Amino acid sequence: MPMITLYGHELSGNVYKVRLLLELLGTEYKFVKIDLIKGEHKQPPYLAINPFGQVPALVEGDETLLDAQAILVYLAKKYGGEDWLPTDAVSLSKVVRWLSTTAGEVRQGPESTRLYHAFKMKTLNIERAETKANVILKQLDDHLAGQEWLEFGRPTIADIAVFPYVALAPDGKISLDPYPNVLAWIDRIKHLPNFVGMRSIEAPSA
């Protein structure tokens, strides 16, 4: 079986969610760093892999997969089965809803506030991003009241997609203290078998 190669940067939450799912699935892979600071993602060698010039990209054999959420679907379907990505019509639509939320509200909120503060992307409208961050965090907190996972009473790629930039919200000066259900959910994800962290998302010590 061809080795999976994951291209990305260790500070990217989108790269991290793919790496996290690979680890949770126990799937072997090789990580190739694309230095975003040096602009390697916009240079011809990487553009030949991903013409969009974005990370992550995943290559397995003749297949090249782009976009973090799409890669999660691929990995879950190929290596995780129904546990991580149920395929009946209603369940699949519920997972896709969270993938869409990740690319929409989470990106416009906590991901953008992190880009503004941690990576100095000052062209972003920080007031708008802060408002959107707190709106989606309140919605998540309400949704998680009385349940442990986003859907189905078990972790799926819905949780893995939403998790990184929510957990990284403090990097964008967004406190998670007002959202106890979100904090409890973050802790549950951190205690999944084979969990790995990244900068600002520490793995539990025990």
Protein backbone atom coordinates (compact mmCIF):
# COMPACT_ATOMS: atom_id res chain seq x y z
CA MET A 1 0.00 0.00 0.00
CA PRO A 2 1.42 3.45 -0.90
CA MET A 3 2.64 5.61 1.95
CA ILE A 4 0.50 8.63 2.77
CA THR A 5 2.37 11.93 2.53
CA LEU A 6 0.93 14.94 4.33
CA TYR A 7 2.19 18.36 3.26
CA GLY A 8 1.76 21.21 5.68
CA HIS A 9 3.04 23.44 8.45
CA GLU A 10 3.03 22.58 12.13
CA LEU A 11 1.27 25.81 13.14
CA SER A 12 -1.69 25.35 10.79
CA GLY A 13 -4.86 24.22 12.50
CA ASN A 14 -6.11 22.77 9.23
CA VAL A 15 -2.97 20.67 8.84
CA TYR A 16 -3.21 19.66 12.49
CA LYS A 17 -6.75 18.30 12.16
CA VAL A 18 -5.60 15.96 9.38
CA ARG A 19 -2.57 14.86 11.38
CA LEU A 20 -4.79 14.31 14.42
CA LEU A 21 -7.20 12.06 12.51
CA LEU A 22 -4.30 10.08 11.03
CA GLU A 23 -2.98 9.50 14.55
CA LEU A 24 -6.39 8.58 15.96
CA LEU A 25 -6.85 6.09 13.13
CA GLY A 26 -3.37 4.64 13.66
CA THR A 27 -2.56 5.25 9.99
CA GLU A 28 1.09 5.58 9.01
CA TYR A 29 2.11 8.68 7.12
CA LYS A 30 5.06 10.90 6.28
CA PHE A 31 4.95 14.62 7.09
CA VAL A 32 6.60 17.08 4.71
CA LYS A 33 6.91 20.64 6.04
CA ILE A 34 5.90 23.46 3.72
CA ASP A 35 7.37 26.63 5.19
CA LEU A 36 4.57 29.18 4.98
CA ILE A 37 6.78 31.90 6.45
CA LYS A 38 9.22 31.54 3.55
CA GLY A 39 6.37 31.34 1.05
CA GLU A 40 7.07 27.78 -0.04
CA HIS A 41 3.34 27.20 -0.53
CA LYS A 42 3.39 29.73 -3.40
CA GLN A 43 6.45 28.29 -5.16
CA PRO A 44 6.31 26.02 -8.25
CA PRO A 45 7.31 22.74 -6.52
CA TYR A 46 4.36 22.92 -4.12
CA LEU A 47 1.99 24.52 -6.62
CA ALA A 48 2.50 21.43 -8.74
CA ILE A 49 0.90 19.50 -5.86
CA ASN A 50 -1.72 22.07 -4.88
CA PRO A 51 -2.39 24.79 -7.45
CA PHE A 52 -4.35 26.72 -4.81
CA GLY A 53 -1.14 27.20 -2.83
CA GLN A 54 -2.77 26.14 0.43
CA VAL A 55 -2.01 23.58 3.11
CA PRO A 56 -2.73 20.80 3.75
CA ALA A 57 -2.36 18.51 0.79
CA LEU A 58 -2.34 14.74 1.09
CA VAL A 59 -0.89 12.34 -1.46
CA GLU A 60 -1.48 8.60 -1.46
CA GLY A 61 -0.37 6.72 -4.53
CA ASP A 62 -1.92 8.38 -7.57
CA GLU A 63 -4.41 10.35 -5.48
CA THR A 64 -3.85 13.96 -4.40
CA LEU A 65 -6.39 15.33 -1.93
CA LEU A 66 -6.78 19.03 -1.17
CA ASP A 67 -8.67 20.94 1.54
CA ALA A 68 -8.63 19.82 5.16
CA GLN A 69 -12.32 18.95 5.38
CA ALA A 70 -12.21 16.95 2.13
CA ILE A 71 -9.13 15.09 3.38
CA LEU A 72 -10.94 14.21 6.61
CA VAL A 73 -13.75 12.69 4.56
CA TYR A 74 -11.28 10.68 2.49
CA LEU A 75 -9.39 9.33 5.49
CA ALA A 76 -12.53 8.55 7.47
CA LYS A 77 -14.15 6.74 4.57
CA LYS A 78 -11.02 4.77 3.68
CA TYR A 79 -9.59 4.01 7.12
CA GLY A 80 -12.24 4.77 9.73
CA GLY A 81 -15.50 3.47 8.31
CA GLU A 82 -18.92 4.22 9.74
CA ASP A 83 -17.53 5.06 13.17
CA TRP A 84 -15.95 8.29 11.93
CA LEU A 85 -18.19 9.02 8.94
CA PRO A 86 -21.65 7.47 8.92
CA THR A 87 -23.04 7.26 5.41
CA ASP A 88 -26.82 7.00 5.79
CA ALA A 89 -28.47 10.11 4.40
CA VAL A 90 -29.47 11.82 7.64
CA SER A 91 -26.25 11.09 9.56
CA LEU A 92 -24.01 12.08 6.67
CA SER A 93 -25.86 15.36 6.26
CA LYS A 94 -25.34 16.13 9.96
CA VAL A 95 -21.58 15.59 9.65
CA VAL A 96 -21.42 17.70 6.49
CA ARG A 97 -23.25 20.46 8.34
CA TRP A 98 -20.33 20.68 10.79
CA LEU A 99 -17.75 20.56 8.02
CA SER A 100 -19.56 23.52 6.49
CA THR A 101 -19.65 25.29 9.86
CA THR A 102 -15.90 24.77 10.12
CA ALA A 103 -15.29 26.39 6.74
CA GLY A 104 -17.76 29.16 7.52
CA GLU A 105 -18.42 30.36 11.06
CA VAL A 106 -15.32 28.84 12.66
CA ARG A 107 -13.07 30.23 9.94
CA GLN A 108 -14.68 33.67 10.11
CA GLY A 109 -14.51 33.68 13.92
CA PRO A 110 -11.82 31.98 16.01
CA GLU A 111 -9.58 31.13 13.06
CA SER A 112 -9.58 34.77 11.92
CA THR A 113 -8.92 36.19 15.39
CA ARG A 114 -5.92 33.84 15.68
CA LEU A 115 -4.61 34.99 12.29
CA TYR A 116 -4.98 38.61 13.40
CA HIS A 117 -3.24 38.33 16.76
CA ALA A 118 -0.83 35.40 16.40
CA PHE A 119 0.19 35.93 12.77
CA LYS A 120 -0.28 39.71 12.50
CA MET A 121 -2.75 39.61 9.61
CA LYS A 122 -3.92 43.14 10.35
CA THR A 123 -6.03 43.44 7.21
CA LEU A 124 -8.70 41.31 8.91
CA ASN A 125 -11.67 43.04 10.51
CA ILE A 126 -10.94 42.05 14.10
CA GLU A 127 -14.17 43.42 15.58
CA ARG A 128 -16.23 41.39 13.13
CA ALA A 129 -14.11 38.29 13.76
CA GLU A 130 -14.44 38.63 17.55
CA THR A 131 -18.21 38.94 17.27
CA LYS A 132 -18.44 35.90 15.01
CA ALA A 133 -16.11 33.92 17.31
CA ASN A 134 -18.28 34.47 20.35
CA VAL A 135 -21.46 33.74 18.42
CA ILE A 136 -20.26 30.34 17.19
CA LEU A 137 -18.74 29.48 20.57
CA LYS A 138 -22.08 30.23 22.26
CA GLN A 139 -23.87 28.09 19.67
CA LEU A 140 -21.40 25.25 20.24
CA ASP A 141 -21.74 25.56 24.00
CA ASP A 142 -25.52 25.39 23.76
CA HIS A 143 -25.35 22.45 21.35
CA LEU A 144 -23.03 20.53 23.67
CA ALA A 145 -25.21 21.01 26.71
CA GLY A 146 -26.19 17.53 27.86
CA GLN A 147 -24.19 15.67 25.21
CA GLU A 148 -20.54 14.70 24.90
CA TRP A 149 -19.99 14.92 21.14
CA LEU A 150 -21.33 17.00 18.28
CA GLU A 151 -23.42 14.14 16.92
CA PHE A 152 -24.38 10.51 17.59
CA GLY A 153 -22.90 10.25 21.10
CA ARG A 154 -19.44 9.42 19.73
CA PRO A 155 -16.55 11.27 18.10
CA THR A 156 -16.69 11.69 14.33
CA ILE A 157 -14.85 13.85 11.83
CA ALA A 158 -17.38 16.56 12.72
CA ASP A 159 -15.58 16.90 16.06
CA ILE A 160 -12.13 16.68 14.50
CA ALA A 161 -12.97 19.38 11.94
CA VAL A 162 -14.36 21.88 14.44
CA PHE A 163 -11.90 21.18 17.26
CA PRO A 164 -8.56 22.82 16.33
CA TYR A 165 -9.50 26.45 15.83
CA VAL A 166 -11.97 26.35 18.71
CA ALA A 167 -9.25 24.99 21.02
CA LEU A 168 -6.85 27.61 19.61
CA ALA A 169 -9.28 30.48 20.29
CA PRO A 170 -7.11 31.85 23.16
CA ASP A 171 -4.34 32.48 20.59
CA GLY A 172 -6.78 34.99 19.13
CA LYS A 173 -7.49 36.52 22.53
CA ILE A 174 -10.89 34.83 22.74
CA SER A 175 -11.48 33.36 26.20
CA LEU A 176 -13.13 29.96 26.40
CA ASP A 177 -14.00 30.41 30.08
CA PRO A 178 -17.60 31.49 29.34
CA TYR A 179 -18.16 28.20 27.48
CA PRO A 180 -17.87 25.31 29.96
CA ASN A 181 -19.46 22.75 27.67
CA VAL A 182 -16.95 23.59 24.95
CA LEU A 183 -14.09 23.26 27.44
CA ALA A 184 -15.36 19.86 28.56
CA TRP A 185 -15.64 18.74 24.92
CA ILE A 186 -12.08 19.89 24.22
CA ASP A 187 -10.90 17.84 27.19
CA ARG A 188 -12.74 14.75 25.95
CA ILE A 189 -11.06 15.03 22.56
CA LYS A 190 -7.67 15.37 24.25
CA HIS A 191 -8.27 12.07 26.03
CA LEU A 192 -9.04 10.08 22.88
CA PRO A 193 -6.55 7.21 22.35
CA ASN A 194 -3.49 8.29 20.32
CA PHE A 195 -4.32 12.00 20.67
CA VAL A 196 -1.50 14.33 19.65
CA GLY A 197 -1.29 18.04 20.29
CA MET A 198 0.28 21.05 18.64
CA ARG A 199 1.51 24.38 19.90
CA SER A 200 -1.16 25.85 22.20
CA ILE A 201 -3.03 22.50 22.30
CA GLU A 202 -1.15 20.39 24.81
CA ALA A 203 -1.79 16.68 25.11
CA PRO A 204 -2.84 15.62 28.62
CA SER A 205 -0.02 14.40 30.84
CA ALA A 206 -1.92 11.26 31.80
